[in-house]
Amino acid sequence: MCSSDLDSNFPMQYSHGWHHPPGSNMTGWVKTAENTPIVYIQHGHGPTAWENPAFRKLMTNAIQWVHSPEAKAWAKKNPSRIFT
């Protein structure tokens, strides 16, 4: 998706000359905080998202994954230092 396609998702800002900056189209990812696995899901706030069974499944899968031994082992092998 190009930046101009994204601009149309923000009609009020776009009408005032704002343009969405180029960048990644990822809306979810995993990372670590020290030895802890983290899942970040950017979309899905409000009742409409939570009414969607696919979104609830996505959230359930994310929660189950971060709690799994596999995720904990992955995080331990790939720590990101956040505390000094």
PDB file of N, CA and C in Angstrom:
ATOM      1  N   MET A   1       0.853  -1.168   0.000  1.00  0.00           N
ATOM      2  CA  MET A   1       0.000   0.000   0.000  1.00  0.00           C
ATOM      3  C   MET A   1       0.902   1.235   0.000  1.00  0.00           C
ATOM      4  N   CYS A   2       0.631   2.138  -0.875  1.00  0.00           N
ATOM      5  CA  CYS A   2       1.456   3.346  -0.930  1.00  0.00           C
ATOM      6  C   CYS A   2       0.882   4.423  -0.009  1.00  0.00           C
ATOM      7  N   SER A   3       1.702   5.419   0.246  1.00  0.00           N
ATOM      8  CA  SER A   3       1.320   6.482   1.175  1.00  0.00           C
ATOM      9  C   SER A   3       0.029   7.171   0.756  1.00  0.00           C
ATOM     10  N   SER A   4      -0.167   7.387  -0.547  1.00  0.00           N
ATOM     11  CA  SER A   4      -1.384   8.081  -0.982  1.00  0.00           C
ATOM     12  C   SER A   4      -2.630   7.261  -0.691  1.00  0.00           C
ATOM     13  N   ASP A   5      -2.519   5.910  -0.722  1.00  0.00           N
ATOM     14  CA  ASP A   5      -3.654   5.066  -0.354  1.00  0.00           C
ATOM     15  C   ASP A   5      -3.971   5.223   1.125  1.00  0.00           C
ATOM     16  N   LEU A   6      -2.930   5.308   1.942  1.00  0.00           N
ATOM     17  CA  LEU A   6      -3.142   5.493   3.377  1.00  0.00           C
ATOM     18  C   LEU A   6      -3.747   6.845   3.688  1.00  0.00           C
ATOM     19  N   ASP A   7      -3.367   7.864   2.920  1.00  0.00           N
ATOM     20  CA  ASP A   7      -3.892   9.206   3.154  1.00  0.00           C
ATOM     21  C   ASP A   7      -5.416   9.229   3.160  1.00  0.00           C
ATOM     22  N   SER A   8      -6.036   8.428   2.309  1.00  0.00           N
ATOM     23  CA  SER A   8      -7.492   8.441   2.201  1.00  0.00           C
ATOM     24  C   SER A   8      -8.161   7.901   3.468  1.00  0.00           C
ATOM     25  N   ASN A   9      -7.400   7.203   4.332  1.00  0.00           N
ATOM     26  CA  ASN A   9      -7.944   6.727   5.600  1.00  0.00           C
ATOM     27  C   ASN A   9      -8.032   7.829   6.650  1.00  0.00           C
ATOM     28  N   PHE A  10      -7.467   8.987   6.334  1.00  0.00           N
ATOM     29  CA  PHE A  10      -7.451  10.124   7.261  1.00  0.00           C
ATOM     30  C   PHE A  10      -8.016  11.351   6.542  1.00  0.00           C
ATOM     31  N   PRO A  11      -9.305  11.335   6.189  1.00  0.00           N
ATOM     32  CA  PRO A  11      -9.853  12.391   5.334  1.00  0.00           C
ATOM     33  C   PRO A  11      -9.747  13.799   5.925  1.00  0.00           C
ATOM     34  N   MET A  12      -9.949  13.963   7.215  1.00  0.00           N
ATOM     35  CA  MET A  12      -9.889  15.300   7.796  1.00  0.00           C
ATOM     36  C   MET A  12      -8.466  15.862   7.691  1.00  0.00           C
ATOM     37  N   GLN A  13      -7.476  15.045   8.060  1.00  0.00           N
ATOM     38  CA  GLN A  13      -6.099  15.502   7.996  1.00  0.00           C
ATOM     39  C   GLN A  13      -5.653  15.704   6.543  1.00  0.00           C
ATOM     40  N   TYR A  14      -6.054  14.767   5.682  1.00  0.00           N
ATOM     41  CA  TYR A  14      -5.676  14.828   4.266  1.00  0.00           C
ATOM     42  C   TYR A  14      -6.225  16.095   3.608  1.00  0.00           C
ATOM     43  N   SER A  15      -7.436  16.475   3.992  1.00  0.00           N
ATOM     44  CA  SER A  15      -8.043  17.674   3.395  1.00  0.00           C
ATOM     45  C   SER A  15      -7.290  18.945   3.779  1.00  0.00           C
ATOM     46  N   HIS A  16      -6.487  18.865   4.829  1.00  0.00           N
ATOM     47  CA  HIS A  16      -5.685  20.011   5.269  1.00  0.00           C
ATOM     48  C   HIS A  16      -4.219  19.886   4.850  1.00  0.00           C
ATOM     49  N   GLY A  17      -3.947  18.970   3.899  1.00  0.00           N
ATOM     50  CA  GLY A  17      -2.599  18.851   3.353  1.00  0.00           C
ATOM     51  C   GLY A  17      -1.687  17.857   4.046  1.00  0.00           C
ATOM     52  N   TRP A  18      -2.202  17.147   5.043  1.00  0.00           N
ATOM     53  CA  TRP A  18      -1.378  16.149   5.736  1.00  0.00           C
ATOM     54  C   TRP A  18      -1.250  14.904   4.890  1.00  0.00           C
ATOM     55  N   HIS A  19      -0.097  14.273   4.904  1.00  0.00           N
ATOM     56  CA  HIS A  19       0.115  13.002   4.200  1.00  0.00           C
ATOM     57  C   HIS A  19       0.738  12.000   5.161  1.00  0.00           C
ATOM     58  N   HIS A  20       0.265  10.769   5.068  1.00  0.00           N
ATOM     59  CA  HIS A  20       0.804   9.704   5.911  1.00  0.00           C
ATOM     60  C   HIS A  20       2.259   9.476   5.532  1.00  0.00           C
ATOM     61  N   PRO A  21       3.162   9.436   6.511  1.00  0.00           N
ATOM     62  CA  PRO A  21       4.570   9.225   6.184  1.00  0.00           C
ATOM     63  C   PRO A  21       4.807   7.799   5.681  1.00  0.00           C
ATOM     64  N   PRO A  22       5.797   7.629   4.800  1.00  0.00           N
ATOM     65  CA  PRO A  22       6.105   6.272   4.336  1.00  0.00           C
ATOM     66  C   PRO A  22       6.617   5.431   5.498  1.00  0.00           C
ATOM     67  N   GLY A  23       6.391   4.165   5.426  1.00  0.00           N
ATOM     68  CA  GLY A  23       6.861   3.289   6.495  1.00  0.00           C
ATOM     69  C   GLY A  23       6.291   1.904   6.336  1.00  0.00           C
ATOM     70  N   SER A  24       6.416   1.143   7.361  1.00  0.00           N
ATOM     71  CA  SER A  24       5.966  -0.241   7.356  1.00  0.00           C
ATOM     72  C   SER A  24       4.440  -0.311   7.389  1.00  0.00           C
ATOM     73  N   ASN A  25       3.905  -1.368   6.804  1.00  0.00           N
ATOM     74  CA  ASN A  25       2.466  -1.592   6.887  1.00  0.00           C
ATOM     75  C   ASN A  25       2.132  -2.674   7.920  1.00  0.00           C
ATOM     76  N   MET A  26       3.117  -3.031   8.755  1.00  0.00           N
ATOM     77  CA  MET A  26       2.858  -4.022   9.801  1.00  0.00           C
ATOM     78  C   MET A  26       1.915  -3.435  10.845  1.00  0.00           C
ATOM     79  N   THR A  27       1.010  -4.263  11.308  1.00  0.00           N
ATOM     80  CA  THR A  27       0.094  -3.821  12.356  1.00  0.00           C
ATOM     81  C   THR A  27       0.234  -4.653  13.614  1.00  0.00           C
ATOM     82  N   GLY A  28       1.147  -5.587  13.599  1.00  0.00           N
ATOM     83  CA  GLY A  28       1.415  -6.394  14.773  1.00  0.00           C
ATOM     84  C   GLY A  28       2.808  -6.993  14.675  1.00  0.00           C
ATOM     85  N   TRP A  29       3.444  -7.187  15.815  1.00  0.00           N
ATOM     86  CA  TRP A  29       4.771  -7.776  15.819  1.00  0.00           C
ATOM     87  C   TRP A  29       5.084  -8.301  17.205  1.00  0.00           C
ATOM     88  N   VAL A  30       6.183  -9.036  17.297  1.00  0.00           N
ATOM     89  CA  VAL A  30       6.658  -9.522  18.587  1.00  0.00           C
ATOM     90  C   VAL A  30       8.044  -8.959  18.844  1.00  0.00           C
ATOM     91  N   LYS A  31       8.361  -8.790  20.092  1.00  0.00           N
ATOM     92  CA  LYS A  31       9.685  -8.353  20.507  1.00  0.00           C
ATOM     93  C   LYS A  31       9.893  -8.823  21.937  1.00  0.00           C
ATOM     94  N   THR A  32      11.010  -8.448  22.497  1.00  0.00           N
ATOM     95  CA  THR A  32      11.278  -8.822  23.874  1.00  0.00           C
ATOM     96  C   THR A  32      11.505  -7.581  24.720  1.00  0.00           C
ATOM     97  N   ALA A  33      11.253  -7.740  25.988  1.00  0.00           N
ATOM     98  CA  ALA A  33      11.601  -6.743  26.999  1.00  0.00           C
ATOM     99  C   ALA A  33      12.389  -7.519  28.045  1.00  0.00           C
ATOM    100  N   GLU A  34      13.713  -7.333  28.007  1.00  0.00           N
ATOM    101  CA  GLU A  34      14.614  -8.194  28.782  1.00  0.00           C
ATOM    102  C   GLU A  34      14.376  -9.629  28.306  1.00  0.00           C
ATOM    103  N   ASN A  35      13.976 -10.538  29.198  1.00  0.00           N
ATOM    104  CA  ASN A  35      13.730 -11.940  28.815  1.00  0.00           C
ATOM    105  C   ASN A  35      12.242 -12.259  28.665  1.00  0.00           C
ATOM    106  N   THR A  36      11.430 -11.238  28.476  1.00  0.00           N
ATOM    107  CA  THR A  36       9.981 -11.421  28.408  1.00  0.00           C
ATOM    108  C   THR A  36       9.483 -11.243  26.986  1.00  0.00           C
ATOM    109  N   PRO A  37       8.711 -12.213  26.465  1.00  0.00           N
ATOM    110  CA  PRO A  37       8.137 -12.037  25.131  1.00  0.00           C
ATOM    111  C   PRO A  37       6.994 -11.030  25.173  1.00  0.00           C
ATOM    112  N   ILE A  38       6.935 -10.192  24.147  1.00  0.00           N
ATOM    113  CA  ILE A  38       5.904  -9.161  24.035  1.00  0.00           C
ATOM    114  C   ILE A  38       5.238  -9.294  22.666  1.00  0.00           C
ATOM    115  N   VAL A  39       3.927  -9.219  22.643  1.00  0.00           N
ATOM    116  CA  VAL A  39       3.180  -9.139  21.383  1.00  0.00           C
ATOM    117  C   VAL A  39       2.539  -7.766  21.335  1.00  0.00           C
ATOM    118  N   TYR A  40       2.729  -7.063  20.223  1.00  0.00           N
ATOM    119  CA  TYR A  40       2.114  -5.752  20.041  1.00  0.00           C
ATOM    120  C   TYR A  40       1.157  -5.846  18.866  1.00  0.00           C
ATOM    121  N   ILE A  41      -0.083  -5.533  19.097  1.00  0.00           N
ATOM    122  CA  ILE A  41      -1.098  -5.540  18.046  1.00  0.00           C
ATOM    123  C   ILE A  41      -1.677  -4.134  17.994  1.00  0.00           C
ATOM    124  N   GLN A  42      -1.430  -3.468  16.887  1.00  0.00           N
ATOM    125  CA  GLN A  42      -1.760  -2.048  16.774  1.00  0.00           C
ATOM    126  C   GLN A  42      -3.243  -1.793  16.543  1.00  0.00           C
ATOM    127  N   HIS A  43      -3.922  -2.679  15.876  1.00  0.00           N
ATOM    128  CA  HIS A  43      -5.326  -2.438  15.554  1.00  0.00           C
ATOM    129  C   HIS A  43      -6.242  -3.051  16.614  1.00  0.00           C
ATOM    130  N   GLY A  44      -7.467  -2.663  16.591  1.00  0.00           N
ATOM    131  CA  GLY A  44      -8.467  -3.297  17.421  1.00  0.00           C
ATOM    132  C   GLY A  44      -8.741  -2.631  18.739  1.00  0.00           C
ATOM    133  N   HIS A  45      -9.373  -1.504  18.708  1.00  0.00           N
ATOM    134  CA  HIS A  45      -9.858  -0.922  19.947  1.00  0.00           C
ATOM    135  C   HIS A  45     -11.321  -0.576  19.727  1.00  0.00           C
ATOM    136  N   GLY A  46     -12.068  -0.729  20.754  1.00  0.00           N
ATOM    137  CA  GLY A  46     -13.489  -0.421  20.665  1.00  0.00           C
ATOM    138  C   GLY A  46     -14.340  -1.664  20.508  1.00  0.00           C
ATOM    139  N   PRO A  47     -15.621  -1.503  20.692  1.00  0.00           N
ATOM    140  CA  PRO A  47     -16.554  -2.622  20.672  1.00  0.00           C
ATOM    141  C   PRO A  47     -16.594  -3.380  19.349  1.00  0.00           C
ATOM    142  N   THR A  48     -16.453  -2.684  18.233  1.00  0.00           N
ATOM    143  CA  THR A  48     -16.532  -3.357  16.931  1.00  0.00           C
ATOM    144  C   THR A  48     -15.437  -4.400  16.788  1.00  0.00           C
ATOM    145  N   ALA A  49     -14.228  -4.064  17.196  1.00  0.00           N
ATOM    146  CA  ALA A  49     -13.128  -5.025  17.110  1.00  0.00           C
ATOM    147  C   ALA A  49     -13.407  -6.235  17.995  1.00  0.00           C
ATOM    148  N   TRP A  50     -13.824  -5.987  19.223  1.00  0.00           N
ATOM    149  CA  TRP A  50     -14.029  -7.086  20.153  1.00  0.00           C
ATOM    150  C   TRP A  50     -15.233  -7.950  19.783  1.00  0.00           C
ATOM    151  N   GLU A  51     -16.156  -7.435  19.005  1.00  0.00           N
ATOM    152  CA  GLU A  51     -17.288  -8.239  18.539  1.00  0.00           C
ATOM    153  C   GLU A  51     -16.877  -9.192  17.420  1.00  0.00           C
ATOM    154  N   ASN A  52     -15.746  -8.943  16.794  1.00  0.00           N
ATOM    155  CA  ASN A  52     -15.274  -9.759  15.682  1.00  0.00           C
ATOM    156  C   ASN A  52     -14.597 -11.022  16.222  1.00  0.00           C
ATOM    157  N   PRO A  53     -15.121 -12.221  15.885  1.00  0.00           N
ATOM    158  CA  PRO A  53     -14.526 -13.462  16.394  1.00  0.00           C
ATOM    159  C   PRO A  53     -13.068 -13.640  15.959  1.00  0.00           C
ATOM    160  N   ALA A  54     -12.709 -13.168  14.777  1.00  0.00           N
ATOM    161  CA  ALA A  54     -11.326 -13.305  14.307  1.00  0.00           C
ATOM    162  C   ALA A  54     -10.383 -12.463  15.167  1.00  0.00           C
ATOM    163  N   PHE A  55     -10.811 -11.269  15.559  1.00  0.00           N
ATOM    164  CA  PHE A  55      -9.980 -10.437  16.422  1.00  0.00           C
ATOM    165  C   PHE A  55      -9.814 -11.078  17.796  1.00  0.00           C
ATOM    166  N   ARG A  56     -10.899 -11.610  18.339  1.00  0.00           N
ATOM    167  CA  ARG A  56     -10.802 -12.277  19.636  1.00  0.00           C
ATOM    168  C   ARG A  56      -9.867 -13.483  19.560  1.00  0.00           C
ATOM    169  N   LYS A  57      -9.908 -14.204  18.438  1.00  0.00           N
ATOM    170  CA  LYS A  57      -9.004 -15.342  18.252  1.00  0.00           C
ATOM    171  C   LYS A  57      -7.558 -14.861  18.171  1.00  0.00           C
ATOM    172  N   LEU A  58      -7.312 -13.768  17.455  1.00  0.00           N
ATOM    173  CA  LEU A  58      -5.973 -13.190  17.370  1.00  0.00           C
ATOM    174  C   LEU A  58      -5.455 -12.845  18.762  1.00  0.00           C
ATOM    175  N   MET A  59      -6.273 -12.201  19.565  1.00  0.00           N
ATOM    176  CA  MET A  59      -5.868 -11.823  20.919  1.00  0.00           C
ATOM    177  C   MET A  59      -5.621 -13.062  21.789  1.00  0.00           C
ATOM    178  N   THR A  60      -6.491 -14.043  21.688  1.00  0.00           N
ATOM    179  CA  THR A  60      -6.321 -15.284  22.444  1.00  0.00           C
ATOM    180  C   THR A  60      -5.015 -15.967  22.064  1.00  0.00           C
ATOM    181  N   ASN A  61      -4.752 -16.055  20.755  1.00  0.00           N
ATOM    182  CA  ASN A  61      -3.509 -16.678  20.297  1.00  0.00           C
ATOM    183  C   ASN A  61      -2.286 -15.925  20.813  1.00  0.00           C
ATOM    184  N   ALA A  62      -2.337 -14.613  20.793  1.00  0.00           N
ATOM    185  CA  ALA A  62      -1.210 -13.802  21.263  1.00  0.00           C
ATOM    186  C   ALA A  62      -0.962 -14.034  22.750  1.00  0.00           C
ATOM    187  N   ILE A  63      -2.024 -14.046  23.528  1.00  0.00           N
ATOM    188  CA  ILE A  63      -1.884 -14.266  24.974  1.00  0.00           C
ATOM    189  C   ILE A  63      -1.350 -15.667  25.254  1.00  0.00           C
ATOM    190  N   GLN A  64      -1.873 -16.651  24.554  1.00  0.00           N
ATOM    191  CA  GLN A  64      -1.399 -18.019  24.760  1.00  0.00           C
ATOM    192  C   GLN A  64       0.069 -18.150  24.347  1.00  0.00           C
ATOM    193  N   TRP A  65       0.459 -17.490  23.264  1.00  0.00           N
ATOM    194  CA  TRP A  65       1.845 -17.586  22.810  1.00  0.00           C
ATOM    195  C   TRP A  65       2.801 -16.983  23.827  1.00  0.00           C
ATOM    196  N   VAL A  66       2.536 -15.780  24.321  1.00  0.00           N
ATOM    197  CA  VAL A  66       3.480 -15.156  25.253  1.00  0.00           C
ATOM    198  C   VAL A  66       3.611 -15.957  26.543  1.00  0.00           C
ATOM    199  N   HIS A  67       2.624 -16.753  26.844  1.00  0.00           N
ATOM    200  CA  HIS A  67       2.660 -17.576  28.058  1.00  0.00           C
ATOM    201  C   HIS A  67       3.328 -18.934  27.808  1.00  0.00           C
ATOM    202  N   SER A  68       3.585 -19.276  26.561  1.00  0.00           N
ATOM    203  CA  SER A  68       4.096 -20.601  26.218  1.00  0.00           C
ATOM    204  C   SER A  68       5.584 -20.754  26.528  1.00  0.00           C
ATOM    205  N   PRO A  69       6.017 -21.986  26.789  1.00  0.00           N
ATOM    206  CA  PRO A  69       7.447 -22.244  26.982  1.00  0.00           C
ATOM    207  C   PRO A  69       8.281 -21.851  25.751  1.00  0.00           C
ATOM    208  N   GLU A  70       7.716 -22.027  24.556  1.00  0.00           N
ATOM    209  CA  GLU A  70       8.435 -21.665  23.322  1.00  0.00           C
ATOM    210  C   GLU A  70       8.715 -20.170  23.257  1.00  0.00           C
ATOM    211  N   ALA A  71       7.725 -19.362  23.601  1.00  0.00           N
ATOM    212  CA  ALA A  71       7.908 -17.908  23.575  1.00  0.00           C
ATOM    213  C   ALA A  71       8.918 -17.477  24.632  1.00  0.00           C
ATOM    214  N   LYS A  72       8.841 -18.080  25.800  1.00  0.00           N
ATOM    215  CA  LYS A  72       9.781 -17.725  26.868  1.00  0.00           C
ATOM    216  C   LYS A  72      11.208 -18.113  26.485  1.00  0.00           C
ATOM    217  N   ALA A  73      11.372 -19.270  25.831  1.00  0.00           N
ATOM    218  CA  ALA A  73      12.701 -19.696  25.372  1.00  0.00           C
ATOM    219  C   ALA A  73      13.217 -18.749  24.285  1.00  0.00           C
ATOM    220  N   TRP A  74      12.331 -18.360  23.365  1.00  0.00           N
ATOM    221  CA  TRP A  74      12.713 -17.416  22.299  1.00  0.00           C
ATOM    222  C   TRP A  74      13.160 -16.084  22.905  1.00  0.00           C
ATOM    223  N   ALA A  75      12.413 -15.593  23.869  1.00  0.00           N
ATOM    224  CA  ALA A  75      12.749 -14.310  24.489  1.00  0.00           C
ATOM    225  C   ALA A  75      14.078 -14.390  25.232  1.00  0.00           C
ATOM    226  N   LYS A  76      14.321 -15.499  25.875  1.00  0.00           N
ATOM    227  CA  LYS A  76      15.573 -15.661  26.612  1.00  0.00           C
ATOM    228  C   LYS A  76      16.770 -15.667  25.659  1.00  0.00           C
ATOM    229  N   LYS A  77      16.579 -16.208  24.452  1.00  0.00           N
ATOM    230  CA  LYS A  77      17.648 -16.221  23.441  1.00  0.00           C
ATOM    231  C   LYS A  77      17.798 -14.892  22.726  1.00  0.00           C
ATOM    232  N   ASN A  78      16.771 -14.039  22.788  1.00  0.00           N
ATOM    233  CA  ASN A  78      16.748 -12.762  22.063  1.00  0.00           C
ATOM    234  C   ASN A  78      16.377 -11.592  22.969  1.00  0.00           C
ATOM    235  N   PRO A  79      17.084 -11.416  24.082  1.00  0.00           N
ATOM    236  CA  PRO A  79      16.684 -10.353  25.014  1.00  0.00           C
ATOM    237  C   PRO A  79      16.951  -8.950  24.452  1.00  0.00           C
ATOM    238  N   SER A  80      16.076  -8.040  24.796  1.00  0.00           N
ATOM    239  CA  SER A  80      16.264  -6.607  24.497  1.00  0.00           C
ATOM    240  C   SER A  80      16.407  -5.909  25.834  1.00  0.00           C
ATOM    241  N   ARG A  81      17.512  -5.229  26.019  1.00  0.00           N
ATOM    242  CA  ARG A  81      17.763  -4.554  27.290  1.00  0.00           C
ATOM    243  C   ARG A  81      16.879  -3.308  27.393  1.00  0.00           C
ATOM    244  N   ILE A  82      16.059  -3.255  28.445  1.00  0.00           N
ATOM    245  CA  ILE A  82      15.228  -2.072  28.657  1.00  0.00           C
ATOM    246  C   ILE A  82      15.531  -1.401  29.993  1.00  0.00           C
ATOM    247  N   PHE A  83      16.208  -2.125  30.884  1.00  0.00           N
ATOM    248  CA  PHE A  83      16.569  -1.567  32.174  1.00  0.00           C
ATOM    249  C   PHE A  83      18.076  -1.326  32.205  1.00  0.00           C
ATOM    250  N   THR A  84      18.499  -0.256  32.842  1.00  0.00           N
ATOM    251  CA  THR A  84      19.933   0.016  32.951  1.00  0.00           C
ATOM    252  C   THR A  84      20.421  -0.166  34.362  1.00  0.00           C
TER     253      THR A  84
END
